[in-house]
Protein backbone atom coordinates (compact mmCIF):
# COMPACT_ATOMS: atom_id res chain seq x y z
CA UNK A 1 176.84 1.25 -43.96
CA UNK A 2 174.84 1.93 -40.81
CA UNK A 3 172.48 4.91 -40.76
CA UNK A 4 173.15 7.19 -37.78
CA UNK A 5 170.43 7.28 -35.15
CA UNK A 6 168.13 10.27 -35.30
CA UNK A 7 168.82 12.69 -32.44
CA UNK A 8 166.07 12.72 -29.84
CA UNK A 9 165.21 15.15 -27.06
CA UNK A 10 162.34 14.95 -24.59
CA UNK A 11 161.46 16.50 -21.23
CA UNK A 12 159.55 14.93 -18.34
CA UNK A 13 158.78 16.87 -15.14
CA UNK A 14 161.12 15.73 -12.35
CA UNK A 15 159.39 13.62 -9.72
CA UNK A 16 158.61 15.64 -6.63
CA UNK A 17 158.80 19.04 -8.37
CA UNK A 18 155.50 20.61 -7.34
CA UNK A 19 155.95 23.65 -9.59
CA UNK A 20 154.40 21.64 -12.44
CA UNK A 21 151.15 21.01 -10.58
CA UNK A 22 148.19 22.90 -9.14
CA UNK A 23 149.46 22.42 -5.55
CA UNK A 24 152.56 24.56 -6.26
CA UNK A 25 153.25 27.36 -3.81
CA UNK A 26 156.22 29.52 -4.90
CA UNK A 27 158.89 30.04 -2.22
CA UNK A 28 161.09 33.09 -1.86
CA UNK A 29 164.82 33.13 -1.07
CA UNK A 30 164.02 32.48 2.61
CA UNK A 31 161.82 29.48 1.64
CA UNK A 32 158.69 31.42 2.62
CA UNK A 33 155.50 31.19 0.52
CA UNK A 34 155.06 34.04 -1.96
CA UNK A 35 153.30 34.85 -5.23
CA UNK A 36 154.91 34.20 -8.63
CA UNK A 37 155.22 37.92 -9.33
CA UNK A 38 157.42 38.30 -6.24
CA UNK A 39 159.91 35.58 -7.20
CA UNK A 40 163.36 36.75 -8.15
CA UNK A 41 164.63 35.69 -11.59
CA UNK A 42 167.16 33.35 -10.03
CA UNK A 43 164.56 31.71 -7.77
CA UNK A 44 162.24 31.21 -10.73
CA UNK A 45 164.97 29.74 -12.95
CA UNK A 46 166.85 27.60 -10.42
CA UNK A 47 164.21 26.45 -7.95
CA UNK A 48 161.22 25.66 -10.16
CA UNK A 49 160.14 23.74 -13.23
CA UNK A 50 162.79 21.04 -13.14
CA UNK A 51 162.79 18.28 -15.72
CA UNK A 52 164.50 15.03 -16.46
CA UNK A 53 165.87 15.25 -19.98
CA UNK A 54 166.27 12.39 -22.40
CA UNK A 55 168.91 13.48 -24.91
CA UNK A 56 170.48 11.14 -27.44
CA UNK A 57 172.75 12.20 -30.29
CA UNK A 58 174.24 9.47 -32.45
CA UNK A 59 175.66 6.84 -30.10
CA UNK A 60 175.79 9.31 -27.19
CA UNK A 61 173.16 9.18 -24.46
CA UNK A 62 173.34 12.25 -22.23
CA UNK A 63 170.22 11.39 -20.21
CA UNK A 64 172.02 10.37 -17.00
CA UNK A 65 173.73 13.77 -16.83
CA UNK A 66 170.45 15.64 -17.27
CA UNK A 67 168.21 14.79 -14.35
CA UNK A 68 166.44 17.43 -12.29
CA UNK A 69 167.49 20.18 -14.70
CA UNK A 70 165.94 23.64 -14.61
CA UNK A 71 164.02 23.64 -17.87
CA UNK A 72 164.58 27.31 -18.69
CA UNK A 73 168.33 27.00 -18.06
CA UNK A 74 168.49 23.93 -20.30
CA UNK A 75 166.58 25.57 -23.15
CA UNK A 76 168.74 28.70 -22.96
CA UNK A 77 171.86 26.52 -23.01
CA UNK A 78 170.63 24.68 -26.13
CA UNK A 79 169.97 28.01 -27.82
CA UNK A 80 173.49 29.16 -26.97
CA UNK A 81 174.96 25.96 -28.39
CA UNK A 82 172.92 26.36 -31.58
CA UNK A 83 174.01 29.96 -32.10
CA UNK A 84 177.67 29.15 -31.39
CA UNK A 85 177.74 26.13 -33.71
CA UNK A 86 176.61 28.32 -36.61
CA UNK A 87 180.04 29.98 -36.47
CA UNK A 88 182.32 27.46 -34.75
CA UNK A 89 182.91 23.71 -34.86
CA UNK A 90 182.93 23.39 -31.07
CA UNK A 91 180.64 24.75 -28.38
CA UNK A 92 181.18 24.21 -24.67
CA UNK A 93 178.40 25.35 -22.37
CA UNK A 94 177.89 24.88 -18.67
CA UNK A 95 174.52 23.86 -17.28
CA UNK A 96 174.39 24.70 -13.57
CA UNK A 97 176.88 22.18 -12.16
CA UNK A 98 177.24 20.08 -15.31
CA UNK A 99 179.26 20.46 -18.48
CA UNK A 100 177.72 19.97 -21.93
CA UNK A 101 179.86 19.70 -25.04
CA UNK A 102 178.75 19.71 -28.67
CA UNK A 103 180.89 19.12 -31.75
């Protein structure tokens, strides 16, 4: 009997995303430089801190579907899946323009 692979999850900053480095200059909705405190919630979540995610569960490798993902959106989605799976056997959550399914 084969032992199932241990699930693995890791994040790596997406290439070209300057929000991870010291040269980052936040941009507002009009793509004009601003300070972090002036960013809207949506601009902060969707336009900054993108990661490439390596996610493997059993024989499933979801890494190709999780490139240039907004890290906060991804973490909130995982939390939602976790909470839902406590009560249900199936959780379907959308991550920006992608669909993630857990059983």
